Amino acid sequence: MKLCDDLIKNDVPAMGQLAGSENIAFCLRDKADLKILFVGNSITRHGPAAQIGWHGDWGMAASSAENDYVHRVVRALEQDGHRVSYGLVNVSEWEQSWNDAALFSKYTAARDFAPDILVMRLGENAKLMDRAQEFMLHYRTAIAYFASKSTRVVLTDLFWQYEPFDTAVCALAERNGYDFAPLHDLGEREEMKALGKFEHAGVAVHPSDEGMRAIAERIYAAVVAAMEKGV
C-alpha cells in the first residue's frame, strides 16, 4: 500500500492551482433542465502553470477541454437529450488545509448554484497519511455545504489508489445513499496516465485522454443512477 504523500513524485502543488475568483467557473444554458456541480482538484480543472509545463485551463493532462472528464460527462448527458448547466470548483487548497472556514467564505457562488447533481471528485491533495477517517468529517461538511436538500450526490475514490481513503469514502457513500464511482484502479495503469507527454512528472501522472475517458464513463454511470432515483 502506498502512502498518500508518495503518490506523485515532483508533485503538482495543491496551492494556487487557480487564482482568486477563478476557483469557480460556470457554464450556464438557457432553459437548462439539469444543473451539475463538479467539485475537485487539478483533475477537474487546473489553470496555466508555465513553471511545470502546463498551459491548459481544464482537467490536468487532458489534451483539450473537451477531452477532460467534466466535459465528457456533460457531453454524454447532452447526447441523452438534457440541457445542462454546470459549475467547476477547484478546492485543492481546502483539500490540503482542511480549513472549513475558508471553504465557506470562498465558495458561496458554488453553494448558491444549488445543483441537481453534486459530483465530488477529490482527495489526492489531502495529505492523509493515517488520518482518512478524520478527513471524512471535513468531507461531509463540504458535501453538506455544496448540496441543497434536493441534490443527489455522487462520490468517487482516488485516481491514485490509497486504500484508507478509498475505503472510507466508499463507506460514506453507502451510509448516506450516495451514488459512487470507483476510480482507484485507473491510476495503476500506465495507459491511463499522460506519461511521456509532459516533462514534469507530477503533470505526466495525471489522467491522459484515455484516463479522462474512463473517469467520465464511470462518473456518467453514477450520475445516471442518481438521476433515476429522482432529481
Protein backbone atom coordinates (compact mmCIF):
# COMPACT_ATOMS: atom_id res chain seq x y z
CA MET A 1 0.00 0.00 0.00
CA LYS A 2 1.36 3.42 -0.95
CA LEU A 3 1.48 6.35 1.41
CA CYS A 4 -0.60 9.23 0.12
CA ASP A 5 2.33 11.67 0.25
CA ASP A 6 4.32 9.39 -2.03
CA LEU A 7 1.77 9.09 -4.81
CA ILE A 8 3.20 11.83 -7.03
CA LYS A 9 6.91 12.42 -7.21
CA ASN A 10 7.77 16.06 -8.08
CA ASP A 11 4.08 16.66 -7.43
CA VAL A 12 1.79 19.43 -8.61
CA PRO A 13 1.34 21.93 -5.73
CA ALA A 14 -2.14 21.99 -4.20
CA MET A 15 -1.89 25.72 -3.53
CA GLY A 16 -2.54 28.23 -6.31
CA GLN A 17 -3.94 25.88 -8.93
CA LEU A 18 -6.38 28.65 -9.84
CA ALA A 19 -6.20 32.29 -8.85
CA GLY A 20 -8.76 34.00 -6.64
CA SER A 21 -12.23 34.18 -8.13
CA GLU A 22 -11.20 31.71 -10.83
CA ASN A 23 -11.62 28.90 -8.29
CA ILE A 24 -15.19 28.73 -9.59
CA ALA A 25 -16.41 28.70 -13.18
CA PHE A 26 -19.89 28.21 -14.59
CA CYS A 27 -21.31 27.29 -17.97
CA LEU A 28 -24.99 28.23 -17.91
CA ARG A 29 -27.51 27.22 -20.57
CA ASP A 30 -30.86 28.87 -21.16
CA LYS A 31 -33.76 26.65 -20.08
CA ALA A 32 -31.43 24.04 -18.61
CA ASP A 33 -33.21 21.03 -17.15
CA LEU A 34 -30.16 19.73 -15.26
CA LYS A 35 -27.60 21.52 -13.08
CA ILE A 36 -24.38 19.72 -12.11
CA LEU A 37 -21.61 20.95 -9.83
CA PHE A 38 -18.20 19.28 -10.15
CA VAL A 39 -16.05 19.82 -7.05
CA GLY A 40 -12.47 18.68 -7.34
CA ASN A 41 -8.81 19.48 -7.78
CA SER A 42 -6.37 19.57 -10.70
CA ILE A 43 -8.02 16.55 -12.33
CA THR A 44 -11.19 18.66 -12.56
CA ARG A 45 -9.52 21.94 -13.56
CA HIS A 46 -6.05 23.45 -13.31
CA GLY A 47 -5.15 26.86 -14.71
CA PRO A 48 -1.99 27.54 -16.75
CA ALA A 49 1.26 26.94 -14.83
CA ALA A 50 4.24 27.52 -17.09
CA GLN A 51 6.69 26.58 -14.34
CA ILE A 52 5.55 22.94 -14.57
CA GLY A 53 4.90 22.93 -18.31
CA TRP A 54 1.10 23.02 -18.10
CA HIS A 55 -0.61 25.56 -20.36
CA GLY A 56 -4.24 24.42 -20.31
CA ASP A 57 -7.17 25.61 -18.24
CA TRP A 58 -9.09 22.37 -17.83
CA GLY A 59 -8.59 18.93 -16.26
CA MET A 60 -4.84 18.47 -16.00
CA ALA A 61 -3.10 16.36 -18.66
CA ALA A 62 -6.12 16.11 -20.98
CA SER A 63 -5.16 17.29 -24.47
CA SER A 64 -8.04 19.81 -24.58
CA ALA A 65 -11.02 20.95 -22.51
CA GLU A 66 -13.43 18.75 -24.45
CA ASN A 67 -11.33 15.70 -23.57
CA ASP A 68 -11.31 16.12 -19.79
CA TYR A 69 -13.75 14.17 -17.68
CA VAL A 70 -16.07 17.09 -16.87
CA HIS A 71 -16.75 17.98 -20.48
CA ARG A 72 -17.10 14.32 -21.45
CA VAL A 73 -19.74 13.76 -18.75
CA VAL A 74 -21.64 16.89 -19.78
CA ARG A 75 -21.48 15.91 -23.44
CA ALA A 76 -22.82 12.42 -22.70
CA LEU A 77 -25.74 13.89 -20.76
CA GLU A 78 -26.48 16.32 -23.58
CA GLN A 79 -26.46 13.43 -26.03
CA ASP A 80 -29.14 11.90 -23.80
CA GLY A 81 -31.25 14.98 -24.51
CA HIS A 82 -30.58 17.11 -21.44
CA ARG A 83 -29.82 20.81 -21.41
CA VAL A 84 -27.02 21.03 -18.86
CA SER A 85 -25.78 23.97 -16.83
CA TYR A 86 -22.68 23.12 -14.87
CA GLY A 87 -20.10 24.54 -12.49
CA LEU A 88 -16.48 23.61 -11.84
CA VAL A 89 -14.95 24.23 -8.43
CA ASN A 90 -11.29 23.69 -7.58
CA VAL A 91 -10.95 23.13 -3.81
CA SER A 92 -7.35 21.89 -3.82
CA GLU A 93 -6.26 24.40 -1.17
CA TRP A 94 -9.05 23.23 1.15
CA GLU A 95 -8.03 19.62 0.49
CA GLN A 96 -4.59 20.40 1.83
CA SER A 97 -5.53 22.81 4.65
CA TRP A 98 -8.81 21.20 5.85
CA ASN A 99 -9.87 24.79 6.61
CA ASP A 100 -13.66 24.67 6.51
CA ALA A 101 -13.97 28.36 7.33
CA ALA A 102 -12.12 29.21 4.12
CA LEU A 103 -14.38 26.82 2.23
CA PHE A 104 -17.45 28.66 3.49
CA SER A 105 -16.05 32.09 2.63
CA LYS A 106 -14.63 31.42 -0.85
CA TYR A 107 -17.26 29.24 -2.49
CA THR A 108 -20.61 30.88 -1.81
CA ALA A 109 -21.37 31.19 -5.53
CA ALA A 110 -21.00 27.42 -5.93
CA ARG A 111 -23.25 26.80 -2.92
CA ASP A 112 -25.85 29.20 -4.30
CA PHE A 113 -25.83 27.34 -7.62
CA ALA A 114 -27.97 24.71 -5.83
CA PRO A 115 -27.13 21.82 -8.17
CA ASP A 116 -29.39 18.92 -9.00
CA ILE A 117 -26.29 16.69 -9.01
CA LEU A 118 -23.13 17.22 -6.96
CA VAL A 119 -20.04 15.30 -8.10
CA MET A 120 -17.24 15.23 -5.50
CA ARG A 121 -14.06 14.02 -7.24
CA LEU A 122 -11.19 14.86 -4.91
CA GLY A 123 -8.89 13.72 -2.12
CA GLU A 124 -5.46 13.41 -3.70
CA ASN A 125 -4.15 16.59 -2.01
CA ALA A 126 -5.45 15.78 1.46
CA LYS A 127 -2.09 14.71 2.99
CA LEU A 128 -3.96 11.90 4.69
CA MET A 129 -1.32 9.53 5.98
CA ASP A 130 -3.27 7.66 8.70
CA ARG A 131 -5.99 10.35 9.06
CA ALA A 132 -8.51 9.31 6.41
CA GLN A 133 -11.35 8.97 8.90
CA GLU A 134 -10.60 12.41 10.32
CA PHE A 135 -10.68 13.92 6.83
CA MET A 136 -14.09 12.33 6.25
CA LEU A 137 -15.52 14.74 8.85
CA HIS A 138 -14.41 17.68 6.67
CA TYR A 139 -15.51 15.87 3.53
CA ARG A 140 -19.02 15.50 4.94
CA THR A 141 -19.00 19.21 5.81
CA ALA A 142 -18.14 20.07 2.20
CA ILE A 143 -20.91 17.86 0.84
CA ALA A 144 -23.44 19.49 3.15
CA TYR A 145 -22.22 22.93 2.09
CA PHE A 146 -22.47 22.42 -1.67
CA ALA A 147 -25.61 20.25 -1.74
CA SER A 148 -29.13 21.59 -1.32
CA LYS A 149 -31.84 19.42 0.24
CA SER A 150 -32.84 18.00 -3.15
CA THR A 151 -29.32 17.49 -4.54
CA ARG A 152 -28.29 13.97 -5.50
CA VAL A 153 -24.65 13.29 -4.57
CA VAL A 154 -22.03 11.29 -6.47
CA LEU A 155 -18.71 10.45 -4.82
CA THR A 156 -15.55 8.88 -6.20
CA ASP A 157 -12.47 7.40 -4.67
CA LEU A 158 -8.94 8.39 -5.74
CA PHE A 159 -7.34 8.12 -9.17
CA TRP A 160 -4.05 7.24 -7.43
CA GLN A 161 -5.08 4.40 -5.16
CA TYR A 162 -4.80 4.92 -1.38
CA GLU A 163 -6.77 2.24 0.41
CA PRO A 164 -7.62 4.08 3.67
CA PHE A 165 -9.27 6.95 1.78
CA ASP A 166 -10.86 4.75 -0.86
CA THR A 167 -12.45 2.51 1.76
CA ALA A 168 -13.62 5.45 3.89
CA VAL A 169 -15.25 7.37 1.04
CA CYS A 170 -16.97 4.24 -0.28
CA ALA A 171 -18.37 3.59 3.20
CA LEU A 172 -19.52 7.22 3.42
CA ALA A 173 -21.41 6.83 0.16
CA GLU A 174 -23.05 3.60 1.30
CA ARG A 175 -24.14 5.04 4.66
CA ASN A 176 -25.76 8.08 3.09
CA GLY A 177 -27.25 6.57 -0.06
CA TYR A 178 -24.90 8.46 -2.38
CA ASP A 179 -24.00 7.05 -5.77
CA PHE A 180 -20.38 6.04 -6.14
CA ALA A 181 -17.88 5.80 -8.99
CA PRO A 182 -14.78 3.69 -8.20
CA LEU A 183 -11.65 5.00 -9.90
CA HIS A 184 -8.80 3.62 -7.81
CA ASP A 185 -7.67 1.00 -10.31
CA LEU A 186 -7.16 3.52 -13.13
CA GLY A 187 -4.06 5.19 -11.69
CA GLU A 188 -2.36 1.80 -11.51
CA ARG A 189 -2.46 1.51 -15.31
CA GLU A 190 0.16 3.35 -17.35
CA GLU A 191 -2.12 3.84 -20.37
CA MET A 192 -4.47 5.87 -18.18
CA LYS A 193 -1.77 8.46 -17.44
CA ALA A 194 -0.10 11.08 -19.63
CA LEU A 195 3.36 9.52 -19.28
CA GLY A 196 5.81 10.84 -21.87
CA LYS A 197 3.55 13.74 -22.82
CA PHE A 198 4.86 16.20 -20.22
CA GLU A 199 8.35 16.74 -18.80
CA HIS A 200 7.08 17.42 -15.29
CA ALA A 201 6.49 14.09 -13.57
CA GLY A 202 3.61 15.40 -11.49
CA VAL A 203 1.72 16.54 -14.57
CA ALA A 204 2.53 13.37 -16.51
CA VAL A 205 0.98 11.05 -13.93
CA HIS A 206 -2.36 12.85 -14.27
CA PRO A 207 -5.05 11.20 -16.42
CA SER A 208 -4.41 11.12 -20.15
CA ASP A 209 -7.28 11.46 -22.60
CA GLU A 210 -7.82 7.73 -22.14
CA GLY A 211 -7.79 8.12 -18.37
CA MET A 212 -10.23 11.01 -18.57
CA ARG A 213 -12.50 8.92 -20.80
CA ALA A 214 -12.52 6.10 -18.25
CA ILE A 215 -13.20 8.50 -15.37
CA ALA A 216 -16.02 10.13 -17.33
CA GLU A 217 -17.66 6.81 -18.18
CA ARG A 218 -17.77 5.76 -14.54
CA ILE A 219 -18.98 9.12 -13.26
CA TYR A 220 -21.58 9.33 -16.01
CA ALA A 221 -22.95 5.92 -14.99
CA ALA A 222 -23.17 7.08 -11.36
CA VAL A 223 -24.87 10.35 -12.39
CA VAL A 224 -27.45 8.43 -14.45
CA ALA A 225 -28.10 6.15 -11.47
CA ALA A 226 -28.58 9.21 -9.26
CA MET A 227 -30.99 10.75 -11.73
CA GLU A 228 -33.03 7.56 -11.87
CA LYS A 229 -33.65 7.98 -8.15
CA GLY A 230 -35.17 11.36 -8.90
CA VAL A 231 -33.58 14.78 -9.18
